[in-house]
Structure formats: structure tokens, C-alpha cells
Amino acid sequence: MGIVKKYFIKKYYFDIVERDDGFSIVNTHRKNITDRDGIEEVIFNCKTFEEAERYIDKLKKGNYNL
């Protein structure tokens, strides 16, 4: 269990974290932003790593509002 993969997308950092029952995507911190709202927040839960990677691909396309 733990961090499987890390991503930096625009000004946000995301981790794919393995859990007992699947994977979570966690917004770990923001670059150069003092507002800490939403940090270390689980933004997506899924059963497979492939689902997590598909969600990260959506985030890379800008489909998020954090």
C-alpha cells in the first residue's frame, strides 16, 4: 500500500495511492499557491490502476475544478 505514481499537472500535484480495496487519486499540494484548501483531499476512488490512469488523463486535459 502507498503511493504508486505521482503526477504534476499544471499547478497541481496528484498521487495515485494504492489502498486495500483499490486506488485513490489524491491532490497532494499546489505549486506556489498559499491557499491550502483541498490539499490532501481524495478526489477520485476506483478499483483498478487503469481506471486511475484514465482519470489522470482527464485531469491532464483540464477536466478538473479544484
PDB file of N, CA and C in Angstrom:
ATOM      1  N   MET A   1       0.834  -1.176   0.000  1.00  0.00           N
ATOM      2  CA  MET A   1       0.000   0.000   0.000  1.00  0.00           C
ATOM      3  C   MET A   1       0.884   1.246   0.000  1.00  0.00           C
ATOM      4  N   GLY A   2       0.389   2.285  -0.598  1.00  0.00           N
ATOM      5  CA  GLY A   2       1.129   3.529  -0.644  1.00  0.00           C
ATOM      6  C   GLY A   2       1.045   4.170  -2.011  1.00  0.00           C
ATOM      7  N   ILE A   3       1.914   5.143  -2.240  1.00  0.00           N
ATOM      8  CA  ILE A   3       1.918   5.881  -3.496  1.00  0.00           C
ATOM      9  C   ILE A   3       2.465   4.994  -4.611  1.00  0.00           C
ATOM     10  N   VAL A   4       1.698   4.888  -5.688  1.00  0.00           N
ATOM     11  CA  VAL A   4       2.086   4.084  -6.836  1.00  0.00           C
ATOM     12  C   VAL A   4       2.738   4.963  -7.903  1.00  0.00           C
ATOM     13  N   LYS A   5       2.168   6.152  -8.121  1.00  0.00           N
ATOM     14  CA  LYS A   5       2.674   7.042  -9.161  1.00  0.00           C
ATOM     15  C   LYS A   5       2.321   8.479  -8.802  1.00  0.00           C
ATOM     16  N   LYS A   6       3.200   9.415  -9.189  1.00  0.00           N
ATOM     17  CA  LYS A   6       2.993  10.838  -8.922  1.00  0.00           C
ATOM     18  C   LYS A   6       2.887  11.589 -10.243  1.00  0.00           C
ATOM     19  N   TYR A   7       2.071  12.643 -10.238  1.00  0.00           N
ATOM     20  CA  TYR A   7       1.896  13.473 -11.427  1.00  0.00           C
ATOM     21  C   TYR A   7       1.915  14.939 -11.035  1.00  0.00           C
ATOM     22  N   PHE A   8       2.448  15.776 -11.919  1.00  0.00           N
ATOM     23  CA  PHE A   8       2.335  17.227 -11.793  1.00  0.00           C
ATOM     24  C   PHE A   8       1.559  17.698 -13.008  1.00  0.00           C
ATOM     25  N   ILE A   9       0.384  18.266 -12.779  1.00  0.00           N
ATOM     26  CA  ILE A   9      -0.480  18.713 -13.866  1.00  0.00           C
ATOM     27  C   ILE A   9      -0.791  20.184 -13.634  1.00  0.00           C
ATOM     28  N   LYS A  10      -0.298  21.011 -14.534  1.00  0.00           N
ATOM     29  CA  LYS A  10      -0.391  22.462 -14.418  1.00  0.00           C
ATOM     30  C   LYS A  10       0.195  22.878 -13.083  1.00  0.00           C
ATOM     31  N   LYS A  11      -0.586  23.394 -12.159  1.00  0.00           N
ATOM     32  CA  LYS A  11      -0.029  23.836 -10.877  1.00  0.00           C
ATOM     33  C   LYS A  11      -0.369  22.879  -9.737  1.00  0.00           C
ATOM     34  N   TYR A  12      -0.861  21.699 -10.052  1.00  0.00           N
ATOM     35  CA  TYR A  12      -1.300  20.739  -9.045  1.00  0.00           C
ATOM     36  C   TYR A  12      -0.447  19.474  -9.063  1.00  0.00           C
ATOM     37  N   TYR A  13      -0.286  18.893  -7.910  1.00  0.00           N
ATOM     38  CA  TYR A  13       0.385  17.597  -7.775  1.00  0.00           C
ATOM     39  C   TYR A  13      -0.664  16.556  -7.392  1.00  0.00           C
ATOM     40  N   PHE A  14      -0.623  15.410  -8.051  1.00  0.00           N
ATOM     41  CA  PHE A  14      -1.552  14.318  -7.781  1.00  0.00           C
ATOM     42  C   PHE A  14      -0.768  13.032  -7.564  1.00  0.00           C
ATOM     43  N   ASP A  15      -1.244  12.203  -6.642  1.00  0.00           N
ATOM     44  CA  ASP A  15      -0.673  10.881  -6.410  1.00  0.00           C
ATOM     45  C   ASP A  15      -1.750   9.839  -6.648  1.00  0.00           C
ATOM     46  N   ILE A  16      -1.366   8.729  -7.273  1.00  0.00           N
ATOM     47  CA  ILE A  16      -2.224   7.550  -7.287  1.00  0.00           C
ATOM     48  C   ILE A  16      -1.762   6.706  -6.113  1.00  0.00           C
ATOM     49  N   VAL A  17      -2.683   6.451  -5.201  1.00  0.00           N
ATOM     50  CA  VAL A  17      -2.371   5.745  -3.964  1.00  0.00           C
ATOM     51  C   VAL A  17      -3.109   4.411  -3.956  1.00  0.00           C
ATOM     52  N   GLU A  18      -2.366   3.339  -3.703  1.00  0.00           N
ATOM     53  CA  GLU A  18      -2.986   2.012  -3.608  1.00  0.00           C
ATOM     54  C   GLU A  18      -3.559   1.826  -2.215  1.00  0.00           C
ATOM     55  N   ARG A  19      -4.811   1.327  -2.164  1.00  0.00           N
ATOM     56  CA  ARG A  19      -5.478   1.026  -0.898  1.00  0.00           C
ATOM     57  C   ARG A  19      -5.825  -0.460  -0.871  1.00  0.00           C
ATOM     58  N   ASP A  20      -6.386  -0.915   0.223  1.00  0.00           N
ATOM     59  CA  ASP A  20      -6.784  -2.322   0.328  1.00  0.00           C
ATOM     60  C   ASP A  20      -7.846  -2.692  -0.707  1.00  0.00           C
ATOM     61  N   ASP A  21      -8.749  -1.763  -1.012  1.00  0.00           N
ATOM     62  CA  ASP A  21      -9.870  -2.063  -1.895  1.00  0.00           C
ATOM     63  C   ASP A  21      -9.787  -1.364  -3.248  1.00  0.00           C
ATOM     64  N   GLY A  22      -8.603  -0.913  -3.639  1.00  0.00           N
ATOM     65  CA  GLY A  22      -8.464  -0.271  -4.941  1.00  0.00           C
ATOM     66  C   GLY A  22      -7.437   0.839  -4.915  1.00  0.00           C
ATOM     67  N   PHE A  23      -7.763   1.934  -5.601  1.00  0.00           N
ATOM     68  CA  PHE A  23      -6.837   3.059  -5.739  1.00  0.00           C
ATOM     69  C   PHE A  23      -7.570   4.370  -5.491  1.00  0.00           C
ATOM     70  N   SER A  24      -6.840   5.368  -5.049  1.00  0.00           N
ATOM     71  CA  SER A  24      -7.363   6.723  -4.886  1.00  0.00           C
ATOM     72  C   SER A  24      -6.429   7.687  -5.590  1.00  0.00           C
ATOM     73  N   ILE A  25      -7.006   8.776  -6.087  1.00  0.00           N
ATOM     74  CA  ILE A  25      -6.199   9.882  -6.592  1.00  0.00           C
ATOM     75  C   ILE A  25      -6.318  10.996  -5.573  1.00  0.00           C
ATOM     76  N   VAL A  26      -5.161  11.467  -5.116  1.00  0.00           N
ATOM     77  CA  VAL A  26      -5.109  12.451  -4.043  1.00  0.00           C
ATOM     78  C   VAL A  26      -4.435  13.713  -4.568  1.00  0.00           C
ATOM     79  N   ASN A  27      -5.063  14.864  -4.309  1.00  0.00           N
ATOM     80  CA  ASN A  27      -4.467  16.168  -4.613  1.00  0.00           C
ATOM     81  C   ASN A  27      -3.518  16.463  -3.460  1.00  0.00           C
ATOM     82  N   THR A  28      -2.215  16.324  -3.689  1.00  0.00           N
ATOM     83  CA  THR A  28      -1.266  16.404  -2.578  1.00  0.00           C
ATOM     84  C   THR A  28      -0.846  17.812  -2.226  1.00  0.00           C
ATOM     85  N   HIS A  29      -0.571  18.657  -3.195  1.00  0.00           N
ATOM     86  CA  HIS A  29      -0.285  20.066  -2.907  1.00  0.00           C
ATOM     87  C   HIS A  29      -0.242  20.873  -4.196  1.00  0.00           C
ATOM     88  N   ARG A  30      -0.219  22.170  -4.037  1.00  0.00           N
ATOM     89  CA  ARG A  30      -0.198  23.076  -5.183  1.00  0.00           C
ATOM     90  C   ARG A  30       1.125  23.810  -5.221  1.00  0.00           C
ATOM     91  N   LYS A  31       1.587  24.096  -6.408  1.00  0.00           N
ATOM     92  CA  LYS A  31       2.859  24.790  -6.586  1.00  0.00           C
ATOM     93  C   LYS A  31       2.637  26.304  -6.505  1.00  0.00           C
ATOM     94  N   ASN A  32       3.382  26.946  -5.615  1.00  0.00           N
ATOM     95  CA  ASN A  32       3.389  28.406  -5.499  1.00  0.00           C
ATOM     96  C   ASN A  32       2.024  29.006  -5.184  1.00  0.00           C
ATOM     97  N   ILE A  33       1.210  28.299  -4.440  1.00  0.00           N
ATOM     98  CA  ILE A  33      -0.094  28.828  -4.049  1.00  0.00           C
ATOM     99  C   ILE A  33      -0.202  28.732  -2.532  1.00  0.00           C
ATOM    100  N   THR A  34      -0.575  29.830  -1.907  1.00  0.00           N
ATOM    101  CA  THR A  34      -0.663  29.823  -0.444  1.00  0.00           C
ATOM    102  C   THR A  34      -1.989  29.266   0.044  1.00  0.00           C
ATOM    103  N   ASP A  35      -3.030  29.283  -0.782  1.00  0.00           N
ATOM    104  CA  ASP A  35      -4.331  28.739  -0.401  1.00  0.00           C
ATOM    105  C   ASP A  35      -4.214  27.221  -0.303  1.00  0.00           C
ATOM    106  N   ARG A  36      -4.445  26.670   0.869  1.00  0.00           N
ATOM    107  CA  ARG A  36      -4.258  25.232   1.077  1.00  0.00           C
ATOM    108  C   ARG A  36      -5.579  24.453   1.064  1.00  0.00           C
ATOM    109  N   ASP A  37      -6.689  25.062   0.671  1.00  0.00           N
ATOM    110  CA  ASP A  37      -7.966  24.351   0.624  1.00  0.00           C
ATOM    111  C   ASP A  37      -7.889  23.201  -0.367  1.00  0.00           C
ATOM    112  N   GLY A  38      -8.430  22.067   0.004  1.00  0.00           N
ATOM    113  CA  GLY A  38      -8.483  20.915  -0.881  1.00  0.00           C
ATOM    114  C   GLY A  38      -7.203  20.109  -0.947  1.00  0.00           C
ATOM    115  N   ILE A  39      -6.213  20.463  -0.160  1.00  0.00           N
ATOM    116  CA  ILE A  39      -4.944  19.752  -0.203  1.00  0.00           C
ATOM    117  C   ILE A  39      -5.072  18.435   0.562  1.00  0.00           C
ATOM    118  N   GLU A  40      -4.452  17.411   0.028  1.00  0.00           N
ATOM    119  CA  GLU A  40      -4.501  16.056   0.572  1.00  0.00           C
ATOM    120  C   GLU A  40      -5.929  15.525   0.593  1.00  0.00           C
ATOM    121  N   GLU A  41      -6.703  15.966  -0.366  1.00  0.00           N
ATOM    122  CA  GLU A  41      -8.082  15.533  -0.492  1.00  0.00           C
ATOM    123  C   GLU A  41      -8.160  14.426  -1.531  1.00  0.00           C
ATOM    124  N   VAL A  42      -8.873  13.355  -1.208  1.00  0.00           N
ATOM    125  CA  VAL A  42      -9.111  12.291  -2.181  1.00  0.00           C
ATOM    126  C   VAL A  42     -10.132  12.824  -3.176  1.00  0.00           C
ATOM    127  N   ILE A  43      -9.751  12.862  -4.440  1.00  0.00           N
ATOM    128  CA  ILE A  43     -10.663  13.406  -5.444  1.00  0.00           C
ATOM    129  C   ILE A  43     -11.305  12.323  -6.306  1.00  0.00           C
ATOM    130  N   PHE A  44     -10.787  11.080  -6.233  1.00  0.00           N
ATOM    131  CA  PHE A  44     -11.357  10.004  -7.038  1.00  0.00           C
ATOM    132  C   PHE A  44     -10.952   8.668  -6.434  1.00  0.00           C
ATOM    133  N   ASN A  45     -11.906   7.738  -6.361  1.00  0.00           N
ATOM    134  CA  ASN A  45     -11.640   6.367  -5.915  1.00  0.00           C
ATOM    135  C   ASN A  45     -12.027   5.412  -7.032  1.00  0.00           C
ATOM    136  N   CYS A  46     -11.256   4.351  -7.203  1.00  0.00           N
ATOM    137  CA  CYS A  46     -11.559   3.369  -8.233  1.00  0.00           C
ATOM    138  C   CYS A  46     -11.003   2.009  -7.823  1.00  0.00           C
ATOM    139  N   LYS A  47     -11.365   1.001  -8.593  1.00  0.00           N
ATOM    140  CA  LYS A  47     -10.960  -0.373  -8.278  1.00  0.00           C
ATOM    141  C   LYS A  47      -9.643  -0.779  -8.929  1.00  0.00           C
ATOM    142  N   THR A  48      -9.335  -0.223 -10.113  1.00  0.00           N
ATOM    143  CA  THR A  48      -8.145  -0.661 -10.844  1.00  0.00           C
ATOM    144  C   THR A  48      -7.201   0.505 -11.123  1.00  0.00           C
ATOM    145  N   PHE A  49      -5.933   0.169 -11.335  1.00  0.00           N
ATOM    146  CA  PHE A  49      -4.933   1.173 -11.682  1.00  0.00           C
ATOM    147  C   PHE A  49      -5.255   1.806 -13.036  1.00  0.00           C
ATOM    148  N   GLU A  50      -5.802   1.013 -13.966  1.00  0.00           N
ATOM    149  CA  GLU A  50      -6.151   1.530 -15.289  1.00  0.00           C
ATOM    150  C   GLU A  50      -7.215   2.617 -15.189  1.00  0.00           C
ATOM    151  N   GLU A  51      -8.206   2.423 -14.317  1.00  0.00           N
ATOM    152  CA  GLU A  51      -9.219   3.459 -14.096  1.00  0.00           C
ATOM    153  C   GLU A  51      -8.579   4.737 -13.568  1.00  0.00           C
ATOM    154  N   ALA A  52      -7.644   4.577 -12.655  1.00  0.00           N
ATOM    155  CA  ALA A  52      -6.951   5.737 -12.087  1.00  0.00           C
ATOM    156  C   ALA A  52      -6.173   6.473 -13.171  1.00  0.00           C
ATOM    157  N   GLU A  53      -5.495   5.746 -14.036  1.00  0.00           N
ATOM    158  CA  GLU A  53      -4.739   6.382 -15.117  1.00  0.00           C
ATOM    159  C   GLU A  53      -5.665   7.092 -16.102  1.00  0.00           C
ATOM    160  N   ARG A  54      -6.831   6.514 -16.380  1.00  0.00           N
ATOM    161  CA  ARG A  54      -7.795   7.188 -17.263  1.00  0.00           C
ATOM    162  C   ARG A  54      -8.266   8.501 -16.640  1.00  0.00           C
ATOM    163  N   TYR A  55      -8.479   8.501 -15.327  1.00  0.00           N
ATOM    164  CA  TYR A  55      -8.899   9.730 -14.650  1.00  0.00           C
ATOM    165  C   TYR A  55      -7.781  10.769 -14.699  1.00  0.00           C
ATOM    166  N   ILE A  56      -6.540  10.346 -14.507  1.00  0.00           N
ATOM    167  CA  ILE A  56      -5.396  11.261 -14.614  1.00  0.00           C
ATOM    168  C   ILE A  56      -5.336  11.853 -16.021  1.00  0.00           C
ATOM    169  N   ASP A  57      -5.607  11.047 -17.045  1.00  0.00           N
ATOM    170  CA  ASP A  57      -5.626  11.560 -18.420  1.00  0.00           C
ATOM    171  C   ASP A  57      -6.669  12.662 -18.577  1.00  0.00           C
ATOM    172  N   LYS A  58      -7.839  12.501 -17.941  1.00  0.00           N
ATOM    173  CA  LYS A  58      -8.862  13.551 -17.969  1.00  0.00           C
ATOM    174  C   LYS A  58      -8.349  14.810 -17.282  1.00  0.00           C
ATOM    175  N   LEU A  59      -7.659  14.633 -16.161  1.00  0.00           N
ATOM    176  CA  LEU A  59      -7.102  15.789 -15.457  1.00  0.00           C
ATOM    177  C   LEU A  59      -6.081  16.516 -16.327  1.00  0.00           C
ATOM    178  N   LYS A  60      -5.279  15.754 -17.063  1.00  0.00           N
ATOM    179  CA  LYS A  60      -4.272  16.359 -17.945  1.00  0.00           C
ATOM    180  C   LYS A  60      -4.914  17.212 -19.035  1.00  0.00           C
ATOM    181  N   LYS A  61      -6.137  16.847 -19.429  1.00  0.00           N
ATOM    182  CA  LYS A  61      -6.849  17.613 -20.456  1.00  0.00           C
ATOM    183  C   LYS A  61      -7.537  18.839 -19.871  1.00  0.00           C
ATOM    184  N   GLY A  62      -7.428  19.021 -18.559  1.00  0.00           N
ATOM    185  CA  GLY A  62      -8.003  20.198 -17.924  1.00  0.00           C
ATOM    186  C   GLY A  62      -9.403  20.000 -17.389  1.00  0.00           C
ATOM    187  N   ASN A  63      -9.852  18.770 -17.302  1.00  0.00           N
ATOM    188  CA  ASN A  63     -11.204  18.488 -16.829  1.00  0.00           C
ATOM    189  C   ASN A  63     -11.251  18.361 -15.314  1.00  0.00           C
ATOM    190  N   TYR A  64     -10.894  19.431 -14.622  1.00  0.00           N
ATOM    191  CA  TYR A  64     -10.980  19.429 -13.169  1.00  0.00           C
ATOM    192  C   TYR A  64     -11.205  20.839 -12.666  1.00  0.00           C
ATOM    193  N   ASN A  65     -11.779  20.927 -11.495  1.00  0.00           N
ATOM    194  CA  ASN A  65     -12.035  22.210 -10.861  1.00  0.00           C
ATOM    195  C   ASN A  65     -11.709  22.052  -9.385  1.00  0.00           C
ATOM    196  N   LEU A  66     -10.478  22.376  -9.013  1.00  0.00           N
ATOM    197  CA  LEU A  66     -10.038  22.207  -7.630  1.00  0.00           C
ATOM    198  C   LEU A  66      -9.933  23.540  -6.941  1.00  0.00           C
TER     199      LEU A  66
END
